[in-house]
Amino acid sequence: MLLKNKIFLSLFILIQGCGLFGLREAQIPVEPRSNFIPPTSPEIVLTNLIFAVTEKDVNNYMQCFVDSAYSVKRFSYTADVTSQIQYPVFMNWQLYNERTYFNNLLALTQSQSISALNFSSNTVNLIADTAIFDSDYELNFNHQKTTVAKTLKGKIRLIMSSDSRNLWSVHRWIDFRNLSNDTTWSVLKANFSN
């Protein structure tokens, strides 16, 4: 009986002493938390686009656009008319241009700076397997390139469809000036494309 008590006491001290059942410090995540949601509707694509800009996350940004591995659709971007004339880069703008511009923008933006995308006066029209989103937008991106506006405004048309996985994405993006003095998203893209 004495031996059993000693073994029990020894085990009790051992378990209590090693902290096996105690609380531990929370670990800091290696990567920042992402708000990306599987885009099972056009509205979620828009939410993901807003979060990708806010979080400055190029991978989530690119996931908002059509993936040709799962769709016959191809991405196309049409800049506002003034930007089309001023910036030849828009003659053949493709997905890799989107990635390059966004990466270059992030490289000249401090991680703690504020960025935001706001849509207003929204309309969404669903036609079969396609959604057409029209809106006014204001994009604020506090980058460090002094020759380029930090607030961009205009009208946006995003044409979205679902792919073979039933996930929605943008396959056509058209940028418009809302007012003649607007600096559009196209200007930002052109200035960060190289």
Foldseek 3Di string as FASTA:
>chain_A
DVVVVVVVVVVVCVCVVVCPPPDDDDDDDPDDDAPQDQALDPVSLVVLCFRCQFQLPLVSNLVQADDVVFAVFAAAEAEAPVLVVVFVCNVDDHSVLVSQLSVLQVVQADSPDGKGKDWPPWDWDDDPFKIKIKTWMWIAGPGRDVVDDRIFIFMKIFIWGATNVSTIHTRYIYTYHPDPPTHHPSRSSRVRSD
